[in-house]
Amino acid sequence: MSAPVKVVTFENEQDEMIVRRLVTGVVQQWDRIPKHVQAEILKDATLARGSGPETAALREQITTFIHKHAGDRP
């Protein structure tokens, strides 16, 4: 059984900026991340606010976003 997903909270605008940049880096490197790690990232991102009927739709939205932007470089 997996450990519960820890929700990241923003204490200030700098925290939010750091998380946005981290996410940008992960998305840009997505195709280089091993598939099993990708699966864990998607699971954690999807379940970060709990599970429910919208979980499958959210996972699909996240996956679509990643594939739309994966490898994008300025």
PDB file of N, CA and C in Angstrom:
ATOM      1  N   MET A   1       0.843  -1.176   0.000  1.00  0.00           N
ATOM      2  CA  MET A   1       0.000   0.000   0.000  1.00  0.00           C
ATOM      3  C   MET A   1       0.891   1.243   0.000  1.00  0.00           C
ATOM      4  N   SER A   2       0.525   2.223  -0.805  1.00  0.00           N
ATOM      5  CA  SER A   2       1.313   3.445  -0.936  1.00  0.00           C
ATOM      6  C   SER A   2       1.111   4.362   0.258  1.00  0.00           C
ATOM      7  N   ALA A   3       2.137   5.152   0.522  1.00  0.00           N
ATOM      8  CA  ALA A   3       2.023   6.167   1.574  1.00  0.00           C
ATOM      9  C   ALA A   3       1.090   7.266   1.077  1.00  0.00           C
ATOM     10  N   PRO A   4       0.403   7.950   1.987  1.00  0.00           N
ATOM     11  CA  PRO A   4      -0.463   9.046   1.565  1.00  0.00           C
ATOM     12  C   PRO A   4       0.347  10.131   0.861  1.00  0.00           C
ATOM     13  N   VAL A   5      -0.299  10.785  -0.083  1.00  0.00           N
ATOM     14  CA  VAL A   5       0.345  11.860  -0.825  1.00  0.00           C
ATOM     15  C   VAL A   5       0.359  13.106   0.051  1.00  0.00           C
ATOM     16  N   LYS A   6       1.532  13.708   0.189  1.00  0.00           N
ATOM     17  CA  LYS A   6       1.653  14.945   0.958  1.00  0.00           C
ATOM     18  C   LYS A   6       1.311  16.117   0.048  1.00  0.00           C
ATOM     19  N   VAL A   7       0.379  16.928   0.462  1.00  0.00           N
ATOM     20  CA  VAL A   7      -0.032  18.086  -0.324  1.00  0.00           C
ATOM     21  C   VAL A   7       0.953  19.223  -0.078  1.00  0.00           C
ATOM     22  N   VAL A   8       1.458  19.800  -1.160  1.00  0.00           N
ATOM     23  CA  VAL A   8       2.371  20.931  -1.067  1.00  0.00           C
ATOM     24  C   VAL A   8       1.532  22.189  -0.890  1.00  0.00           C
ATOM     25  N   THR A   9       1.875  22.969   0.118  1.00  0.00           N
ATOM     26  CA  THR A   9       1.174  24.232   0.334  1.00  0.00           C
ATOM     27  C   THR A   9       2.137  25.377   0.095  1.00  0.00           C
ATOM     28  N   PHE A  10       1.587  26.475  -0.360  1.00  0.00           N
ATOM     29  CA  PHE A  10       2.392  27.652  -0.639  1.00  0.00           C
ATOM     30  C   PHE A  10       2.298  28.602   0.537  1.00  0.00           C
ATOM     31  N   GLU A  11       3.441  28.896   1.139  1.00  0.00           N
ATOM     32  CA  GLU A  11       3.462  29.836   2.248  1.00  0.00           C
ATOM     33  C   GLU A  11       3.563  31.266   1.760  1.00  0.00           C
ATOM     34  N   ASN A  12       4.044  31.426   0.523  1.00  0.00           N
ATOM     35  CA  ASN A  12       4.183  32.767  -0.037  1.00  0.00           C
ATOM     36  C   ASN A  12       4.317  32.661  -1.554  1.00  0.00           C
ATOM     37  N   GLU A  13       4.418  33.803  -2.216  1.00  0.00           N
ATOM     38  CA  GLU A  13       4.509  33.821  -3.675  1.00  0.00           C
ATOM     39  C   GLU A  13       5.784  33.153  -4.174  1.00  0.00           C
ATOM     40  N   GLN A  14       6.855  33.246  -3.405  1.00  0.00           N
ATOM     41  CA  GLN A  14       8.107  32.617  -3.822  1.00  0.00           C
ATOM     42  C   GLN A  14       7.953  31.099  -3.871  1.00  0.00           C
ATOM     43  N   ASP A  15       7.246  30.522  -2.902  1.00  0.00           N
ATOM     44  CA  ASP A  15       7.002  29.073  -2.918  1.00  0.00           C
ATOM     45  C   ASP A  15       6.251  28.675  -4.181  1.00  0.00           C
ATOM     46  N   GLU A  16       5.233  29.440  -4.526  1.00  0.00           N
ATOM     47  CA  GLU A  16       4.449  29.135  -5.723  1.00  0.00           C
ATOM     48  C   GLU A  16       5.318  29.236  -6.976  1.00  0.00           C
ATOM     49  N   MET A  17       6.175  30.238  -7.052  1.00  0.00           N
ATOM     50  CA  MET A  17       7.072  30.412  -8.190  1.00  0.00           C
ATOM     51  C   MET A  17       8.030  29.224  -8.295  1.00  0.00           C
ATOM     52  N   ILE A  18       8.538  28.760  -7.173  1.00  0.00           N
ATOM     53  CA  ILE A  18       9.459  27.627  -7.162  1.00  0.00           C
ATOM     54  C   ILE A  18       8.750  26.370  -7.671  1.00  0.00           C
ATOM     55  N   VAL A  19       7.538  26.135  -7.209  1.00  0.00           N
ATOM     56  CA  VAL A  19       6.788  24.955  -7.647  1.00  0.00           C
ATOM     57  C   VAL A  19       6.478  25.047  -9.140  1.00  0.00           C
ATOM     58  N   ARG A  20       6.097  26.223  -9.624  1.00  0.00           N
ATOM     59  CA  ARG A  20       5.832  26.389 -11.061  1.00  0.00           C
ATOM     60  C   ARG A  20       7.077  26.080 -11.887  1.00  0.00           C
ATOM     61  N   ARG A  21       8.224  26.557 -11.437  1.00  0.00           N
ATOM     62  CA  ARG A  21       9.465  26.285 -12.172  1.00  0.00           C
ATOM     63  C   ARG A  21       9.835  24.808 -12.111  1.00  0.00           C
ATOM     64  N   LEU A  22       9.620  24.184 -10.959  1.00  0.00           N
ATOM     65  CA  LEU A  22       9.895  22.761 -10.829  1.00  0.00           C
ATOM     66  C   LEU A  22       9.000  21.955 -11.772  1.00  0.00           C
ATOM     67  N   VAL A  23       7.730  22.289 -11.816  1.00  0.00           N
ATOM     68  CA  VAL A  23       6.796  21.607 -12.708  1.00  0.00           C
ATOM     69  C   VAL A  23       7.211  21.811 -14.163  1.00  0.00           C
ATOM     70  N   THR A  24       7.623  23.018 -14.506  1.00  0.00           N
ATOM     71  CA  THR A  24       8.082  23.290 -15.869  1.00  0.00           C
ATOM     72  C   THR A  24       9.256  22.379 -16.227  1.00  0.00           C
ATOM     73  N   GLY A  25      10.197  22.246 -15.308  1.00  0.00           N
ATOM     74  CA  GLY A  25      11.346  21.377 -15.549  1.00  0.00           C
ATOM     75  C   GLY A  25      10.939  19.923 -15.712  1.00  0.00           C
ATOM     76  N   VAL A  26      10.028  19.451 -14.881  1.00  0.00           N
ATOM     77  CA  VAL A  26       9.563  18.059 -14.973  1.00  0.00           C
ATOM     78  C   VAL A  26       8.866  17.826 -16.313  1.00  0.00           C
ATOM     79  N   VAL A  27       7.994  18.745 -16.711  1.00  0.00           N
ATOM     80  CA  VAL A  27       7.276  18.587 -17.976  1.00  0.00           C
ATOM     81  C   VAL A  27       8.252  18.596 -19.151  1.00  0.00           C
ATOM     82  N   GLN A  28       9.229  19.492 -19.120  1.00  0.00           N
ATOM     83  CA  GLN A  28      10.197  19.552 -20.222  1.00  0.00           C
ATOM     84  C   GLN A  28      11.038  18.285 -20.332  1.00  0.00           C
ATOM     85  N   GLN A  29      11.265  17.612 -19.227  1.00  0.00           N
ATOM     86  CA  GLN A  29      12.080  16.393 -19.215  1.00  0.00           C
ATOM     87  C   GLN A  29      11.236  15.115 -19.216  1.00  0.00           C
ATOM     88  N   TRP A  30       9.931  15.239 -19.351  1.00  0.00           N
ATOM     89  CA  TRP A  30       9.000  14.117 -19.176  1.00  0.00           C
ATOM     90  C   TRP A  30       9.430  12.869 -19.946  1.00  0.00           C
ATOM     91  N   ASP A  31       9.791  13.029 -21.201  1.00  0.00           N
ATOM     92  CA  ASP A  31      10.135  11.870 -22.025  1.00  0.00           C
ATOM     93  C   ASP A  31      11.417  11.171 -21.575  1.00  0.00           C
ATOM     94  N   ARG A  32      12.213  11.820 -20.755  1.00  0.00           N
ATOM     95  CA  ARG A  32      13.451  11.226 -20.236  1.00  0.00           C
ATOM     96  C   ARG A  32      13.245  10.551 -18.882  1.00  0.00           C
ATOM     97  N   ILE A  33      12.109  10.765 -18.287  1.00  0.00           N
ATOM     98  CA  ILE A  33      11.814  10.182 -16.975  1.00  0.00           C
ATOM     99  C   ILE A  33      11.346   8.740 -17.193  1.00  0.00           C
ATOM    100  N   PRO A  34      11.896   7.786 -16.442  1.00  0.00           N
ATOM    101  CA  PRO A  34      11.465   6.386 -16.600  1.00  0.00           C
ATOM    102  C   PRO A  34       9.946   6.242 -16.412  1.00  0.00           C
ATOM    103  N   LYS A  35       9.360   5.324 -17.178  1.00  0.00           N
ATOM    104  CA  LYS A  35       7.897   5.140 -17.172  1.00  0.00           C
ATOM    105  C   LYS A  35       7.352   4.879 -15.777  1.00  0.00           C
ATOM    106  N   HIS A  36       8.050   4.094 -14.956  1.00  0.00           N
ATOM    107  CA  HIS A  36       7.534   3.804 -13.617  1.00  0.00           C
ATOM    108  C   HIS A  36       7.534   5.065 -12.743  1.00  0.00           C
ATOM    109  N   VAL A  37       8.492   5.956 -12.965  1.00  0.00           N
ATOM    110  CA  VAL A  37       8.514   7.220 -12.220  1.00  0.00           C
ATOM    111  C   VAL A  37       7.405   8.137 -12.740  1.00  0.00           C
ATOM    112  N   GLN A  38       7.191   8.170 -14.050  1.00  0.00           N
ATOM    113  CA  GLN A  38       6.085   8.942 -14.619  1.00  0.00           C
ATOM    114  C   GLN A  38       4.759   8.513 -13.989  1.00  0.00           C
ATOM    115  N   ALA A  39       4.572   7.201 -13.871  1.00  0.00           N
ATOM    116  CA  ALA A  39       3.326   6.675 -13.289  1.00  0.00           C
ATOM    117  C   ALA A  39       3.152   7.145 -11.845  1.00  0.00           C
ATOM    118  N   GLU A  40       4.227   7.142 -11.075  1.00  0.00           N
ATOM    119  CA  GLU A  40       4.154   7.601  -9.680  1.00  0.00           C
ATOM    120  C   GLU A  40       3.866   9.102  -9.608  1.00  0.00           C
ATOM    121  N   ILE A  41       4.499   9.882 -10.484  1.00  0.00           N
ATOM    122  CA  ILE A  41       4.246  11.332 -10.511  1.00  0.00           C
ATOM    123  C   ILE A  41       2.782  11.589 -10.832  1.00  0.00           C
ATOM    124  N   LEU A  42       2.252  10.912 -11.852  1.00  0.00           N
ATOM    125  CA  LEU A  42       0.844  11.093 -12.225  1.00  0.00           C
ATOM    126  C   LEU A  42      -0.089  10.695 -11.087  1.00  0.00           C
ATOM    127  N   LYS A  43       0.233   9.578 -10.429  1.00  0.00           N
ATOM    128  CA  LYS A  43      -0.596   9.123  -9.307  1.00  0.00           C
ATOM    129  C   LYS A  43      -0.600  10.159  -8.192  1.00  0.00           C
ATOM    130  N   ASP A  44       0.578  10.639  -7.822  1.00  0.00           N
ATOM    131  CA  ASP A  44       0.670  11.626  -6.744  1.00  0.00           C
ATOM    132  C   ASP A  44      -0.030  12.926  -7.117  1.00  0.00           C
ATOM    133  N   ALA A  45       0.156  13.371  -8.353  1.00  0.00           N
ATOM    134  CA  ALA A  45      -0.489  14.619  -8.792  1.00  0.00           C
ATOM    135  C   ALA A  45      -2.003  14.474  -8.799  1.00  0.00           C
ATOM    136  N   THR A  46      -2.481  13.320  -9.213  1.00  0.00           N
ATOM    137  CA  THR A  46      -3.924  13.093  -9.293  1.00  0.00           C
ATOM    138  C   THR A  46      -4.557  12.969  -7.909  1.00  0.00           C
ATOM    139  N   LEU A  47      -3.868  12.331  -6.991  1.00  0.00           N
ATOM    140  CA  LEU A  47      -4.435  12.066  -5.664  1.00  0.00           C
ATOM    141  C   LEU A  47      -4.064  13.112  -4.615  1.00  0.00           C
ATOM    142  N   ALA A  48      -3.371  14.178  -5.011  1.00  0.00           N
ATOM    143  CA  ALA A  48      -2.892  15.171  -4.053  1.00  0.00           C
ATOM    144  C   ALA A  48      -4.020  15.806  -3.251  1.00  0.00           C
ATOM    145  N   ARG A  49      -5.188  15.912  -3.814  1.00  0.00           N
ATOM    146  CA  ARG A  49      -6.333  16.508  -3.106  1.00  0.00           C
ATOM    147  C   ARG A  49      -7.397  15.488  -2.768  1.00  0.00           C
ATOM    148  N   GLY A  50      -7.026  14.205  -2.810  1.00  0.00           N
ATOM    149  CA  GLY A  50      -7.972  13.148  -2.490  1.00  0.00           C
ATOM    150  C   GLY A  50      -8.471  12.468  -3.750  1.00  0.00           C
ATOM    151  N   SER A  51      -9.237  11.414  -3.555  1.00  0.00           N
ATOM    152  CA  SER A  51      -9.765  10.686  -4.698  1.00  0.00           C
ATOM    153  C   SER A  51     -11.281  10.828  -4.724  1.00  0.00           C
ATOM    154  N   GLY A  52     -11.812  10.582  -5.871  1.00  0.00           N
ATOM    155  CA  GLY A  52     -13.253  10.676  -6.054  1.00  0.00           C
ATOM    156  C   GLY A  52     -13.588  10.421  -7.506  1.00  0.00           C
ATOM    157  N   PRO A  53     -14.830  10.653  -7.874  1.00  0.00           N
ATOM    158  CA  PRO A  53     -15.248  10.361  -9.247  1.00  0.00           C
ATOM    159  C   PRO A  53     -14.511  11.195 -10.298  1.00  0.00           C
ATOM    160  N   GLU A  54     -13.993  12.341  -9.905  1.00  0.00           N
ATOM    161  CA  GLU A  54     -13.295  13.208 -10.862  1.00  0.00           C
ATOM    162  C   GLU A  54     -11.826  12.817 -11.048  1.00  0.00           C
ATOM    163  N   THR A  55     -11.346  11.846 -10.303  1.00  0.00           N
ATOM    164  CA  THR A  55      -9.932  11.477 -10.332  1.00  0.00           C
ATOM    165  C   THR A  55      -9.481  11.031 -11.727  1.00  0.00           C
ATOM    166  N   ALA A  56     -10.254  10.185 -12.391  1.00  0.00           N
ATOM    167  CA  ALA A  56      -9.878   9.700 -13.724  1.00  0.00           C
ATOM    168  C   ALA A  56      -9.827  10.856 -14.723  1.00  0.00           C
ATOM    169  N   ALA A  57     -10.795  11.755 -14.651  1.00  0.00           N
ATOM    170  CA  ALA A  57     -10.814  12.902 -15.561  1.00  0.00           C
ATOM    171  C   ALA A  57      -9.616  13.812 -15.296  1.00  0.00           C
ATOM    172  N   LEU A  58      -9.280  14.010 -14.038  1.00  0.00           N
ATOM    173  CA  LEU A  58      -8.139  14.853 -13.688  1.00  0.00           C
ATOM    174  C   LEU A  58      -6.840  14.233 -14.211  1.00  0.00           C
ATOM    175  N   ARG A  59      -6.696  12.942 -14.050  1.00  0.00           N
ATOM    176  CA  ARG A  59      -5.497  12.266 -14.556  1.00  0.00           C
ATOM    177  C   ARG A  59      -5.384  12.469 -16.070  1.00  0.00           C
ATOM    178  N   GLU A  60      -6.490  12.355 -16.775  1.00  0.00           N
ATOM    179  CA  GLU A  60      -6.489  12.555 -18.225  1.00  0.00           C
ATOM    180  C   GLU A  60      -6.117  13.989 -18.583  1.00  0.00           C
ATOM    181  N   GLN A  61      -6.610  14.959 -17.824  1.00  0.00           N
ATOM    182  CA  GLN A  61      -6.271  16.362 -18.057  1.00  0.00           C
ATOM    183  C   GLN A  61      -4.779  16.603 -17.835  1.00  0.00           C
ATOM    184  N   ILE A  62      -4.240  16.035 -16.781  1.00  0.00           N
ATOM    185  CA  ILE A  62      -2.818  16.187 -16.480  1.00  0.00           C
ATOM    186  C   ILE A  62      -1.984  15.548 -17.591  1.00  0.00           C
ATOM    187  N   THR A  63      -2.368  14.353 -18.000  1.00  0.00           N
ATOM    188  CA  THR A  63      -1.643  13.646 -19.059  1.00  0.00           C
ATOM    189  C   THR A  63      -1.681  14.441 -20.363  1.00  0.00           C
ATOM    190  N   THR A  64      -2.838  14.971 -20.704  1.00  0.00           N
ATOM    191  CA  THR A  64      -2.971  15.780 -21.920  1.00  0.00           C
ATOM    192  C   THR A  64      -2.071  17.011 -21.839  1.00  0.00           C
ATOM    193  N   PHE A  65      -2.067  17.675 -20.695  1.00  0.00           N
ATOM    194  CA  PHE A  65      -1.223  18.854 -20.497  1.00  0.00           C
ATOM    195  C   PHE A  65       0.255  18.497 -20.687  1.00  0.00           C
ATOM    196  N   ILE A  66       0.674  17.419 -20.062  1.00  0.00           N
ATOM    197  CA  ILE A  66       2.077  17.010 -20.154  1.00  0.00           C
ATOM    198  C   ILE A  66       2.458  16.743 -21.601  1.00  0.00           C
ATOM    199  N   HIS A  67       1.632  15.981 -22.301  1.00  0.00           N
ATOM    200  CA  HIS A  67       1.982  15.622 -23.674  1.00  0.00           C
ATOM    201  C   HIS A  67       1.921  16.826 -24.607  1.00  0.00           C
ATOM    202  N   LYS A  68       1.093  17.775 -24.294  1.00  0.00           N
ATOM    203  CA  LYS A  68       1.017  19.006 -25.105  1.00  0.00           C
ATOM    204  C   LYS A  68       2.292  19.825 -24.939  1.00  0.00           C
ATOM    205  N   HIS A  69       2.862  19.826 -23.730  1.00  0.00           N
ATOM    206  CA  HIS A  69       3.994  20.695 -23.431  1.00  0.00           C
ATOM    207  C   HIS A  69       5.320  19.974 -23.260  1.00  0.00           C
ATOM    208  N   ALA A  70       5.334  18.651 -23.253  1.00  0.00           N
ATOM    209  CA  ALA A  70       6.568  17.905 -23.021  1.00  0.00           C
ATOM    210  C   ALA A  70       7.617  18.263 -24.058  1.00  0.00           C
ATOM    211  N   GLY A  71       8.806  18.547 -23.578  1.00  0.00           N
ATOM    212  CA  GLY A  71       9.913  18.852 -24.460  1.00  0.00           C
ATOM    213  C   GLY A  71       9.925  20.281 -24.980  1.00  0.00           C
ATOM    214  N   ASP A  72       8.901  21.090 -24.619  1.00  0.00           N
ATOM    215  CA  ASP A  72       8.893  22.483 -25.048  1.00  0.00           C
ATOM    216  C   ASP A  72      10.100  23.197 -24.475  1.00  0.00           C
ATOM    217  N   ARG A  73      10.777  23.908 -25.317  1.00  0.00           N
ATOM    218  CA  ARG A  73      11.911  24.716 -24.865  1.00  0.00           C
ATOM    219  C   ARG A  73      11.822  26.055 -25.541  1.00  0.00           C
ATOM    220  N   PRO A  74      12.130  27.097 -24.797  1.00  0.00           N
ATOM    221  CA  PRO A  74      12.077  28.436 -25.411  1.00  0.00           C
ATOM    222  C   PRO A  74      13.084  28.591 -26.532  1.00  0.00           C
TER     223      PRO A  74
END
